[in-house]
C-alpha cells in the first residue's frame, strides 16, 4: 500500500479482466478510499453487465464515482471526464479520503497524470459539419484535410478517420493546426497531485483465459438482454456505446445474421485482442510505482 499524504491519488491501471476493480475495492476498504472510474465504457447507463460496472453490493461497501453517469446516446469525451474527475478528487481531499482512480482507458489516465494539450472545445456545429463530410468516405475526408491543414495531414494515417475528423474540427474551430497545438506545454488539472501508479500486467495466456471466463459470465448474467434493450433505442451506430465489446457481436445474433455461439466466439476474440492492445500500451507508455505481474486475486 502507498503512503497516504495530502493530495495523494492512487491510480490502478491495466487491461480488461485483470482484476483492477477488485484491487481498488480492497484498497478503498483499507484506506478510507473512494473509487473513481476511468473506464470510457463504464460511464454509460443500462449496460452494467457488458461494461462490468460495480455491483450494488460493491457500491454499498465503498463510494464509487463516475460510473453509469451518461445515457447511451451521449458521446463522452476525455475533456468531460477530466473535469468530472478533478472535482471528485478534490472533494476526496477536502473530506480527507483517498481518491483511487481505476480503469483501462489509457487516454484518460495519461491526461490525468501527465496533462493535456490546451485545445479549446469544438462547437457542435463544426462537429456536425465534419461528421457530415465524413459520410463521403475516409479517402475524401483526408483529401479535405490535406487541402485545409497540410501539417496535420502529414502526421496522420490516411485511413484513421477518427483522428482526421478531430484534426479538421480543431483547425476549423481555432484556425490553428493540431500539429501546432501538440507543441504547446501540457496543462495539468491537478498539478499538486502526488500520483501513486499501480499497473496490473498479467501474462498473455492468463489474461486470455480471464477474458473468456468474463464473457461467459456476462452471457449467463443477461448481456444479450442489455443489447436488445440498447438496439430498441435505435442509436447512431457510430456512438461509443455501440462499439462496446460485445455489443456489435451480439447485435449480429439478435438481428439474425449469425448463431449465438458464433457471436460469443467473435466477442471473446475481440475482447482478447483489445486486452492485448491495452496490455501493450500500459507496459510501454504508463510509468508505474508498482507492477503486479498476474491478475489480481489469483
C-alpha atoms as a PDB file:
ATOM      1  CA  UNK A   1       0.000   0.000   0.000  1.00  0.00           C
ATOM      2  CA  UNK A   2       1.162   3.511  -0.807  1.00  0.00           C
ATOM      3  CA  UNK A   3       1.753   6.004   1.968  1.00  0.00           C
ATOM      4  CA  UNK A   4      -1.212   8.367   2.041  1.00  0.00           C
ATOM      5  CA  UNK A   5      -0.311  12.036   2.152  1.00  0.00           C
ATOM      6  CA  UNK A   6      -2.156  15.237   1.438  1.00  0.00           C
ATOM      7  CA  UNK A   7      -3.026  15.390  -2.277  1.00  0.00           C
ATOM      8  CA  UNK A   8      -2.374  11.671  -2.788  1.00  0.00           C
ATOM      9  CA  UNK A   9      -4.061   9.950  -5.747  1.00  0.00           C
ATOM     10  CA  UNK A  10      -3.788   6.210  -6.327  1.00  0.00           C
ATOM     11  CA  UNK A  11      -4.129   5.100  -9.959  1.00  0.00           C
ATOM     12  CA  UNK A  12      -4.809   1.437 -10.753  1.00  0.00           C
ATOM     13  CA  UNK A  13      -4.378   0.649 -14.440  1.00  0.00           C
ATOM     14  CA  UNK A  14      -4.366  -2.448 -16.586  1.00  0.00           C
ATOM     15  CA  UNK A  15      -6.175  -4.397 -19.299  1.00  0.00           C
ATOM     16  CA  UNK A  16      -9.729  -5.647 -19.091  1.00  0.00           C
ATOM     17  CA  UNK A  17     -10.307  -8.683 -16.844  1.00  0.00           C
ATOM     18  CA  UNK A  18      -7.017  -8.188 -14.974  1.00  0.00           C
ATOM     19  CA  UNK A  19      -8.627  -7.558 -11.574  1.00  0.00           C
ATOM     20  CA  UNK A  20      -8.326  -3.763 -11.341  1.00  0.00           C
ATOM     21  CA  UNK A  21     -11.733  -3.293  -9.736  1.00  0.00           C
ATOM     22  CA  UNK A  22     -11.114  -5.972  -7.109  1.00  0.00           C
ATOM     23  CA  UNK A  23      -7.790  -4.385  -6.154  1.00  0.00           C
ATOM     24  CA  UNK A  24      -9.384  -0.933  -5.969  1.00  0.00           C
ATOM     25  CA  UNK A  25     -12.157  -2.262  -3.733  1.00  0.00           C
ATOM     26  CA  UNK A  26      -9.699  -3.912  -1.334  1.00  0.00           C
ATOM     27  CA  UNK A  27      -7.549  -0.784  -1.215  1.00  0.00           C
ATOM     28  CA  UNK A  28     -10.509   1.542  -0.657  1.00  0.00           C
ATOM     29  CA  UNK A  29     -11.824  -0.545   2.243  1.00  0.00           C
ATOM     30  CA  UNK A  30      -8.435  -0.484   3.967  1.00  0.00           C
ATOM     31  CA  UNK A  31      -7.560   3.183   3.478  1.00  0.00           C
ATOM     32  CA  UNK A  32     -10.836   5.116   3.590  1.00  0.00           C
ATOM     33  CA  UNK A  33     -10.871   5.387  -0.181  1.00  0.00           C
ATOM     34  CA  UNK A  34     -13.294   6.467  -2.866  1.00  0.00           C
ATOM     35  CA  UNK A  35     -13.175   4.634  -6.209  1.00  0.00           C
ATOM     36  CA  UNK A  36     -13.295   6.918  -9.260  1.00  0.00           C
ATOM     37  CA  UNK A  37     -14.000   5.384 -12.651  1.00  0.00           C
ATOM     38  CA  UNK A  38     -11.520   5.837 -15.511  1.00  0.00           C
ATOM     39  CA  UNK A  39     -13.121   3.450 -17.997  1.00  0.00           C
ATOM     40  CA  UNK A  40     -14.724   5.051 -21.049  1.00  0.00           C
ATOM     41  CA  UNK A  41     -17.473   2.391 -21.238  1.00  0.00           C
ATOM     42  CA  UNK A  42     -18.414   2.185 -17.560  1.00  0.00           C
ATOM     43  CA  UNK A  43     -19.651   5.772 -17.735  1.00  0.00           C
ATOM     44  CA  UNK A  44     -22.768   4.586 -19.627  1.00  0.00           C
ATOM     45  CA  UNK A  45     -26.088   3.590 -18.089  1.00  0.00           C
ATOM     46  CA  UNK A  46     -28.072   0.381 -18.637  1.00  0.00           C
ATOM     47  CA  UNK A  47     -25.055  -1.726 -19.636  1.00  0.00           C
ATOM     48  CA  UNK A  48     -23.938  -2.830 -16.203  1.00  0.00           C
ATOM     49  CA  UNK A  49     -23.194  -6.410 -17.301  1.00  0.00           C
ATOM     50  CA  UNK A  50     -21.314  -5.764 -20.536  1.00  0.00           C
ATOM     51  CA  UNK A  51     -19.299  -2.879 -19.095  1.00  0.00           C
ATOM     52  CA  UNK A  52     -18.533  -4.859 -15.901  1.00  0.00           C
ATOM     53  CA  UNK A  53     -19.690  -1.931 -13.785  1.00  0.00           C
ATOM     54  CA  UNK A  54     -19.617  -2.285  -9.981  1.00  0.00           C
ATOM     55  CA  UNK A  55     -22.420  -4.288  -8.399  1.00  0.00           C
ATOM     56  CA  UNK A  56     -24.866  -2.806  -5.900  1.00  0.00           C
ATOM     57  CA  UNK A  57     -23.147  -4.811  -3.155  1.00  0.00           C
ATOM     58  CA  UNK A  58     -19.757  -3.319  -4.053  1.00  0.00           C
ATOM     59  CA  UNK A  59     -21.241   0.185  -4.064  1.00  0.00           C
ATOM     60  CA  UNK A  60     -22.542  -0.403  -0.551  1.00  0.00           C
ATOM     61  CA  UNK A  61     -19.042  -1.273   0.687  1.00  0.00           C
ATOM     62  CA  UNK A  62     -17.289   1.895  -0.551  1.00  0.00           C
ATOM     63  CA  UNK A  63     -18.158   5.028  -2.507  1.00  0.00           C
ATOM     64  CA  UNK A  64     -17.961   4.697  -6.313  1.00  0.00           C
ATOM     65  CA  UNK A  65     -17.926   7.799  -8.529  1.00  0.00           C
ATOM     66  CA  UNK A  66     -18.369   8.457 -12.285  1.00  0.00           C
ATOM     67  CA  UNK A  67     -19.973   5.097 -13.014  1.00  0.00           C
ATOM     68  CA  UNK A  68     -23.132   4.957 -15.164  1.00  0.00           C
ATOM     69  CA  UNK A  69     -23.430   8.732 -15.375  1.00  0.00           C
ATOM     70  CA  UNK A  70     -24.353   9.145 -19.057  1.00  0.00           C
ATOM     71  CA  UNK A  71     -27.242   7.848 -21.177  1.00  0.00           C
ATOM     72  CA  UNK A  72     -26.133   5.640 -24.098  1.00  0.00           C
ATOM     73  CA  UNK A  73     -26.964   8.460 -26.518  1.00  0.00           C
ATOM     74  CA  UNK A  74     -24.188  10.722 -25.184  1.00  0.00           C
ATOM     75  CA  UNK A  75     -20.728  10.863 -26.709  1.00  0.00           C
ATOM     76  CA  UNK A  76     -18.395  11.018 -23.711  1.00  0.00           C
ATOM     77  CA  UNK A  77     -15.018  12.726 -24.154  1.00  0.00           C
ATOM     78  CA  UNK A  78     -11.740  12.804 -22.272  1.00  0.00           C
ATOM     79  CA  UNK A  79     -12.264  16.545 -21.666  1.00  0.00           C
ATOM     80  CA  UNK A  80     -15.599  15.904 -19.952  1.00  0.00           C
ATOM     81  CA  UNK A  81     -14.123  13.088 -17.896  1.00  0.00           C
ATOM     82  CA  UNK A  82     -11.139  15.160 -16.760  1.00  0.00           C
ATOM     83  CA  UNK A  83     -13.414  17.926 -15.481  1.00  0.00           C
ATOM     84  CA  UNK A  84     -15.532  15.449 -13.541  1.00  0.00           C
ATOM     85  CA  UNK A  85     -12.542  13.509 -12.198  1.00  0.00           C
ATOM     86  CA  UNK A  86     -10.858  16.685 -10.977  1.00  0.00           C
ATOM     87  CA  UNK A  87     -13.964  17.623  -8.971  1.00  0.00           C
ATOM     88  CA  UNK A  88     -14.267  14.179  -7.415  1.00  0.00           C
ATOM     89  CA  UNK A  89     -10.568  14.034  -6.495  1.00  0.00           C
ATOM     90  CA  UNK A  90     -10.630  17.481  -4.897  1.00  0.00           C
ATOM     91  CA  UNK A  91     -13.749  16.501  -2.968  1.00  0.00           C
ATOM     92  CA  UNK A  92     -11.906  13.443  -1.633  1.00  0.00           C
ATOM     93  CA  UNK A  93      -9.031  15.621  -0.474  1.00  0.00           C
ATOM     94  CA  UNK A  94     -11.429  18.015   1.280  1.00  0.00           C
ATOM     95  CA  UNK A  95     -13.016  15.074   3.101  1.00  0.00           C
ATOM     96  CA  UNK A  96      -9.599  13.517   3.889  1.00  0.00           C
ATOM     97  CA  UNK A  97     -10.429  10.443   1.821  1.00  0.00           C
ATOM     98  CA  UNK A  98      -8.099   8.669  -0.599  1.00  0.00           C
ATOM     99  CA  UNK A  99      -9.091   9.010  -4.285  1.00  0.00           C
ATOM    100  CA  UNK A 100      -8.474   5.727  -6.130  1.00  0.00           C
ATOM    101  CA  UNK A 101      -8.754   6.171  -9.885  1.00  0.00           C
ATOM    102  CA  UNK A 102      -9.220   2.849 -11.650  1.00  0.00           C
ATOM    103  CA  UNK A 103      -9.729   1.925 -15.279  1.00  0.00           C
ATOM    104  CA  UNK A 104      -8.372   0.664 -18.545  1.00  0.00           C
ATOM    105  CA  UNK A 105      -8.753   3.762 -20.714  1.00  0.00           C
ATOM    106  CA  UNK A 106      -5.160   4.846 -21.211  1.00  0.00           C
ATOM    107  CA  UNK A 107      -6.103   8.219 -22.701  1.00  0.00           C
ATOM    108  CA  UNK A 108      -7.996   9.197 -19.556  1.00  0.00           C
ATOM    109  CA  UNK A 109      -5.190   8.184 -17.218  1.00  0.00           C
ATOM    110  CA  UNK A 110      -2.413   9.692 -19.321  1.00  0.00           C
ATOM    111  CA  UNK A 111      -4.187  13.051 -19.486  1.00  0.00           C
ATOM    112  CA  UNK A 112      -4.923  12.996 -15.756  1.00  0.00           C
ATOM    113  CA  UNK A 113      -1.333  12.244 -14.752  1.00  0.00           C
ATOM    114  CA  UNK A 114       0.712  13.963 -17.442  1.00  0.00           C
ATOM    115  CA  UNK A 115      -1.601  16.734 -18.592  1.00  0.00           C
ATOM    116  CA  UNK A 116      -3.391  17.537 -21.823  1.00  0.00           C
ATOM    117  CA  UNK A 117      -2.916  19.932 -24.712  1.00  0.00           C
ATOM    118  CA  UNK A 118      -4.798  23.231 -24.189  1.00  0.00           C
ATOM    119  CA  UNK A 119      -7.063  22.736 -27.217  1.00  0.00           C
ATOM    120  CA  UNK A 120     -10.380  24.633 -26.939  1.00  0.00           C
ATOM    121  CA  UNK A 121     -13.696  22.810 -27.130  1.00  0.00           C
ATOM    122  CA  UNK A 122     -15.102  22.309 -30.617  1.00  0.00           C
ATOM    123  CA  UNK A 123     -18.607  23.653 -31.269  1.00  0.00           C
ATOM    124  CA  UNK A 124     -21.401  21.203 -32.002  1.00  0.00           C
ATOM    125  CA  UNK A 125     -21.978  22.958 -35.337  1.00  0.00           C
ATOM    126  CA  UNK A 126     -18.434  22.265 -36.539  1.00  0.00           C
ATOM    127  CA  UNK A 127     -18.574  18.707 -35.211  1.00  0.00           C
ATOM    128  CA  UNK A 128     -21.779  18.024 -37.161  1.00  0.00           C
ATOM    129  CA  UNK A 129     -20.335  19.669 -40.257  1.00  0.00           C
ATOM    130  CA  UNK A 130     -17.260  17.419 -40.238  1.00  0.00           C
ATOM    131  CA  UNK A 131     -19.365  14.350 -39.412  1.00  0.00           C
ATOM    132  CA  UNK A 132     -21.485  15.065 -42.480  1.00  0.00           C
ATOM    133  CA  UNK A 133     -18.408  15.378 -44.689  1.00  0.00           C
ATOM    134  CA  UNK A 134     -17.065  12.101 -43.317  1.00  0.00           C
ATOM    135  CA  UNK A 135     -20.025  10.264 -44.850  1.00  0.00           C
ATOM    136  CA  UNK A 136     -18.325  10.619 -48.241  1.00  0.00           C
ATOM    137  CA  UNK A 137     -15.549   8.286 -47.057  1.00  0.00           C
ATOM    138  CA  UNK A 138     -12.191   8.477 -45.309  1.00  0.00           C
ATOM    139  CA  UNK A 139     -10.251   8.988 -48.564  1.00  0.00           C
ATOM    140  CA  UNK A 140     -12.290  12.045 -49.446  1.00  0.00           C
ATOM    141  CA  UNK A 141     -12.113  13.420 -45.907  1.00  0.00           C
ATOM    142  CA  UNK A 142      -8.336  13.028 -45.829  1.00  0.00           C
ATOM    143  CA  UNK A 143      -8.120  14.987 -49.099  1.00  0.00           C
ATOM    144  CA  UNK A 144     -10.083  17.805 -47.440  1.00  0.00           C
ATOM    145  CA  UNK A 145      -7.655  17.783 -44.504  1.00  0.00           C
ATOM    146  CA  UNK A 146      -4.664  17.889 -46.874  1.00  0.00           C
ATOM    147  CA  UNK A 147      -6.132  20.968 -48.515  1.00  0.00           C
ATOM    148  CA  UNK A 148      -7.043  22.800 -45.297  1.00  0.00           C
ATOM    149  CA  UNK A 149      -4.327  21.632 -42.899  1.00  0.00           C
ATOM    150  CA  UNK A 150      -1.372  20.015 -44.620  1.00  0.00           C
ATOM    151  CA  UNK A 151       0.657  19.926 -41.393  1.00  0.00           C
ATOM    152  CA  UNK A 152      -1.899  17.724 -39.675  1.00  0.00           C
ATOM    153  CA  UNK A 153      -2.418  15.533 -42.740  1.00  0.00           C
ATOM    154  CA  UNK A 154       1.305  14.809 -42.929  1.00  0.00           C
ATOM    155  CA  UNK A 155       1.380  13.448 -39.373  1.00  0.00           C
ATOM    156  CA  UNK A 156      -1.748  11.288 -39.597  1.00  0.00           C
ATOM    157  CA  UNK A 157      -2.550   7.895 -41.059  1.00  0.00           C
ATOM    158  CA  UNK A 158      -4.696   8.461 -44.164  1.00  0.00           C
ATOM    159  CA  UNK A 159      -7.077   5.706 -43.004  1.00  0.00           C
ATOM    160  CA  UNK A 160      -7.540   6.929 -39.417  1.00  0.00           C
ATOM    161  CA  UNK A 161     -10.955   8.556 -39.771  1.00  0.00           C
ATOM    162  CA  UNK A 162     -11.282   9.421 -36.061  1.00  0.00           C
ATOM    163  CA  UNK A 163      -8.077  11.465 -35.943  1.00  0.00           C
ATOM    164  CA  UNK A 164      -8.715  13.021 -39.355  1.00  0.00           C
ATOM    165  CA  UNK A 165     -12.099  14.265 -38.169  1.00  0.00           C
ATOM    166  CA  UNK A 166     -10.561  15.575 -34.950  1.00  0.00           C
ATOM    167  CA  UNK A 167      -7.833  17.454 -36.854  1.00  0.00           C
ATOM    168  CA  UNK A 168     -10.378  19.088 -39.162  1.00  0.00           C
ATOM    169  CA  UNK A 169     -12.598  20.084 -36.249  1.00  0.00           C
ATOM    170  CA  UNK A 170      -9.723  21.713 -34.390  1.00  0.00           C
ATOM    171  CA  UNK A 171      -8.448  23.581 -37.435  1.00  0.00           C
ATOM    172  CA  UNK A 172     -11.882  24.961 -38.246  1.00  0.00           C
ATOM    173  CA  UNK A 173     -12.545  25.892 -34.629  1.00  0.00           C
ATOM    174  CA  UNK A 174      -9.199  27.574 -33.935  1.00  0.00           C
ATOM    175  CA  UNK A 175      -7.586  28.315 -37.304  1.00  0.00           C
ATOM    176  CA  UNK A 176      -4.511  26.521 -35.979  1.00  0.00           C
ATOM    177  CA  UNK A 177      -3.180  23.085 -36.920  1.00  0.00           C
ATOM    178  CA  UNK A 178      -3.415  20.269 -34.411  1.00  0.00           C
ATOM    179  CA  UNK A 179       0.298  19.816 -35.086  1.00  0.00           C
ATOM    180  CA  UNK A 180       0.913  23.276 -33.591  1.00  0.00           C
ATOM    181  CA  UNK A 181      -1.352  22.596 -30.606  1.00  0.00           C
ATOM    182  CA  UNK A 182       0.601  19.448 -29.790  1.00  0.00           C
ATOM    183  CA  UNK A 183       3.801  21.511 -29.451  1.00  0.00           C
ATOM    184  CA  UNK A 184       2.322  23.637 -26.677  1.00  0.00           C
ATOM    185  CA  UNK A 185       3.041  22.925 -22.985  1.00  0.00           C
ATOM    186  CA  UNK A 186       0.738  20.369 -21.379  1.00  0.00           C
ATOM    187  CA  UNK A 187      -1.827  21.642 -18.888  1.00  0.00           C
ATOM    188  CA  UNK A 188      -2.418  19.593 -15.723  1.00  0.00           C
ATOM    189  CA  UNK A 189      -5.787  19.630 -13.998  1.00  0.00           C
ATOM    190  CA  UNK A 190      -4.164  18.602 -10.702  1.00  0.00           C
ATOM    191  CA  UNK A 191      -0.604  19.974 -10.701  1.00  0.00           C
ATOM    192  CA  UNK A 192      -0.305  19.457  -6.928  1.00  0.00           C
ATOM    193  CA  UNK A 193      -1.342  15.796  -7.035  1.00  0.00           C
ATOM    194  CA  UNK A 194       1.017  13.086  -5.792  1.00  0.00           C
ATOM    195  CA  UNK A 195       0.214  10.116  -8.004  1.00  0.00           C
ATOM    196  CA  UNK A 196       0.990   6.550  -6.993  1.00  0.00           C
ATOM    197  CA  UNK A 197       0.506   4.340 -10.040  1.00  0.00           C
ATOM    198  CA  UNK A 198      -0.075   0.586  -9.962  1.00  0.00           C
ATOM    199  CA  UNK A 199      -0.108  -1.428 -13.191  1.00  0.00           C
ATOM    200  CA  UNK A 200      -1.524  -4.937 -13.442  1.00  0.00           C
ATOM    201  CA  UNK A 201       0.256  -6.721 -16.306  1.00  0.00           C
ATOM    202  CA  UNK A 202      -0.527 -10.455 -16.250  1.00  0.00           C
ATOM    203  CA  UNK A 203       0.931 -12.956 -18.749  1.00  0.00           C
ATOM    204  CA  UNK A 204      -0.947 -13.043 -22.058  1.00  0.00           C
ATOM    205  CA  UNK A 205      -2.230 -16.615 -21.669  1.00  0.00           C
ATOM    206  CA  UNK A 206      -3.568 -15.862 -18.189  1.00  0.00           C
ATOM    207  CA  UNK A 207      -5.265 -12.705 -19.444  1.00  0.00           C
ATOM    208  CA  UNK A 208      -6.809 -14.592 -22.379  1.00  0.00           C
ATOM    209  CA  UNK A 209      -8.342 -17.130 -20.008  1.00  0.00           C
ATOM    210  CA  UNK A 210      -9.784 -14.389 -17.811  1.00  0.00           C
ATOM    211  CA  UNK A 211     -11.285 -12.622 -20.849  1.00  0.00           C
ATOM    212  CA  UNK A 212     -13.013 -15.825 -21.936  1.00  0.00           C
ATOM    213  CA  UNK A 213     -14.309 -16.509 -18.419  1.00  0.00           C
ATOM    214  CA  UNK A 214     -15.591 -12.964 -18.091  1.00  0.00           C
ATOM    215  CA  UNK A 215     -17.570 -13.056 -21.326  1.00  0.00           C
ATOM    216  CA  UNK A 216     -19.149 -16.430 -20.476  1.00  0.00           C
ATOM    217  CA  UNK A 217     -20.228 -14.928 -17.156  1.00  0.00           C
ATOM    218  CA  UNK A 218     -21.676 -11.868 -18.926  1.00  0.00           C
ATOM    219  CA  UNK A 219     -23.775 -14.090 -21.185  1.00  0.00           C
ATOM    220  CA  UNK A 220     -25.034 -16.074 -18.187  1.00  0.00           C
ATOM    221  CA  UNK A 221     -25.989 -12.835 -16.373  1.00  0.00           C
ATOM    222  CA  UNK A 222     -28.052 -11.488 -19.281  1.00  0.00           C
ATOM    223  CA  UNK A 223     -25.771  -9.489 -21.592  1.00  0.00           C
ATOM    224  CA  UNK A 224     -27.988 -10.393 -24.540  1.00  0.00           C
ATOM    225  CA  UNK A 225     -30.951  -8.604 -22.944  1.00  0.00           C
ATOM    226  CA  UNK A 226     -28.844  -5.485 -22.403  1.00  0.00           C
ATOM    227  CA  UNK A 227     -28.007  -5.390 -26.102  1.00  0.00           C
ATOM    228  CA  UNK A 228     -31.648  -5.974 -27.089  1.00  0.00           C
ATOM    229  CA  UNK A 229     -32.691  -3.006 -24.956  1.00  0.00           C
ATOM    230  CA  UNK A 230     -29.904  -0.901 -26.444  1.00  0.00           C
ATOM    231  CA  UNK A 231     -30.937  -1.716 -30.016  1.00  0.00           C
ATOM    232  CA  UNK A 232     -34.506  -0.637 -29.246  1.00  0.00           C
ATOM    233  CA  UNK A 233     -33.162   2.901 -28.782  1.00  0.00           C
ATOM    234  CA  UNK A 234     -32.122   2.946 -32.472  1.00  0.00           C
ATOM    235  CA  UNK A 235     -28.961   4.935 -31.750  1.00  0.00           C
ATOM    236  CA  UNK A 236     -26.347   6.056 -34.247  1.00  0.00           C
ATOM    237  CA  UNK A 237     -24.003   3.105 -34.839  1.00  0.00           C
ATOM    238  CA  UNK A 238     -21.044   5.498 -34.580  1.00  0.00           C
ATOM    239  CA  UNK A 239     -21.668   6.320 -30.912  1.00  0.00           C
ATOM    240  CA  UNK A 240     -19.053   4.939 -28.487  1.00  0.00           C
ATOM    241  CA  UNK A 241     -21.600   2.779 -26.669  1.00  0.00           C
ATOM    242  CA  UNK A 242     -22.432   0.934 -29.912  1.00  0.00           C
ATOM    243  CA  UNK A 243     -18.794  -0.149 -30.173  1.00  0.00           C
ATOM    244  CA  UNK A 244     -18.574  -1.551 -26.633  1.00  0.00           C
ATOM    245  CA  UNK A 245     -17.088  -5.038 -26.556  1.00  0.00           C
ATOM    246  CA  UNK A 246     -19.924  -7.488 -27.090  1.00  0.00           C
ATOM    247  CA  UNK A 247     -22.427  -5.006 -28.498  1.00  0.00           C
ATOM    248  CA  UNK A 248     -21.617  -5.365 -32.247  1.00  0.00           C
ATOM    249  CA  UNK A 249     -21.267  -9.141 -31.979  1.00  0.00           C
ATOM    250  CA  UNK A 250     -24.471  -9.787 -30.015  1.00  0.00           C
ATOM    251  CA  UNK A 251     -26.279  -7.296 -32.261  1.00  0.00           C
ATOM    252  CA  UNK A 252     -25.472  -9.532 -35.232  1.00  0.00           C
ATOM    253  CA  UNK A 253     -27.047 -12.507 -33.435  1.00  0.00           C
ATOM    254  CA  UNK A 254     -30.132 -10.526 -32.409  1.00  0.00           C
ATOM    255  CA  UNK A 255     -30.545  -9.288 -35.995  1.00  0.00           C
ATOM    256  CA  UNK A 256     -30.394 -12.873 -37.283  1.00  0.00           C
ATOM    257  CA  UNK A 257     -27.038 -12.553 -39.016  1.00  0.00           C
ATOM    258  CA  UNK A 258     -25.310 -15.375 -37.100  1.00  0.00           C
ATOM    259  CA  UNK A 259     -25.799 -18.032 -34.419  1.00  0.00           C
ATOM    260  CA  UNK A 260     -25.284 -17.203 -30.745  1.00  0.00           C
ATOM    261  CA  UNK A 261     -22.153 -19.354 -30.396  1.00  0.00           C
ATOM    262  CA  UNK A 262     -20.617 -17.546 -33.396  1.00  0.00           C
ATOM    263  CA  UNK A 263     -21.364 -14.163 -31.837  1.00  0.00           C
ATOM    264  CA  UNK A 264     -19.946 -15.238 -28.468  1.00  0.00           C
ATOM    265  CA  UNK A 265     -16.765 -16.640 -30.003  1.00  0.00           C
ATOM    266  CA  UNK A 266     -16.252 -13.481 -32.044  1.00  0.00           C
ATOM    267  CA  UNK A 267     -16.810 -11.301 -28.960  1.00  0.00           C
ATOM    268  CA  UNK A 268     -14.310 -13.374 -26.983  1.00  0.00           C
ATOM    269  CA  UNK A 269     -11.742 -12.971 -29.747  1.00  0.00           C
ATOM    270  CA  UNK A 270     -12.259  -9.205 -29.921  1.00  0.00           C
ATOM    271  CA  UNK A 271     -12.095  -8.926 -26.124  1.00  0.00           C
ATOM    272  CA  UNK A 272      -8.838 -10.850 -26.082  1.00  0.00           C
ATOM    273  CA  UNK A 273      -7.371  -8.672 -28.853  1.00  0.00           C
ATOM    274  CA  UNK A 274      -8.438  -5.493 -27.086  1.00  0.00           C
ATOM    275  CA  UNK A 275      -6.959  -6.645 -23.774  1.00  0.00           C
ATOM    276  CA  UNK A 276      -3.686  -7.449 -25.510  1.00  0.00           C
ATOM    277  CA  UNK A 277      -3.541  -3.941 -27.021  1.00  0.00           C
ATOM    278  CA  UNK A 278      -4.272  -2.434 -23.608  1.00  0.00           C
ATOM    279  CA  UNK A 279      -1.553  -4.549 -22.014  1.00  0.00           C
ATOM    280  CA  UNK A 280       0.983  -3.396 -24.610  1.00  0.00           C
ATOM    281  CA  UNK A 281       0.021   0.261 -24.162  1.00  0.00           C
ATOM    282  CA  UNK A 282       0.246   0.179 -20.372  1.00  0.00           C
ATOM    283  CA  UNK A 283       3.529  -1.734 -20.444  1.00  0.00           C
ATOM    284  CA  UNK A 284       5.177   0.766 -22.804  1.00  0.00           C
ATOM    285  CA  UNK A 285       3.507   4.101 -22.080  1.00  0.00           C
ATOM    286  CA  UNK A 286       2.487   4.413 -18.443  1.00  0.00           C
ATOM    287  CA  UNK A 287       5.153   4.765 -15.767  1.00  0.00           C
ATOM    288  CA  UNK A 288       4.327   2.932 -12.560  1.00  0.00           C
ATOM    289  CA  UNK A 289       5.457   2.843  -8.942  1.00  0.00           C
ATOM    290  CA  UNK A 290       4.404  -0.780  -8.671  1.00  0.00           C
ATOM    291  CA  UNK A 291       3.739  -3.561 -11.201  1.00  0.00           C
ATOM    292  CA  UNK A 292       1.652  -6.643 -10.435  1.00  0.00           C
ATOM    293  CA  UNK A 293       2.580  -9.434 -12.844  1.00  0.00           C
ATOM    294  CA  UNK A 294      -0.560 -11.557 -12.566  1.00  0.00           C
ATOM    295  CA  UNK A 295      -4.316 -11.000 -12.492  1.00  0.00           C
ATOM    296  CA  UNK A 296      -5.268  -9.643  -9.080  1.00  0.00           C
ATOM    297  CA  UNK A 297      -6.978 -12.222  -6.904  1.00  0.00           C
ATOM    298  CA  UNK A 298      -5.224 -15.267  -8.363  1.00  0.00           C
END
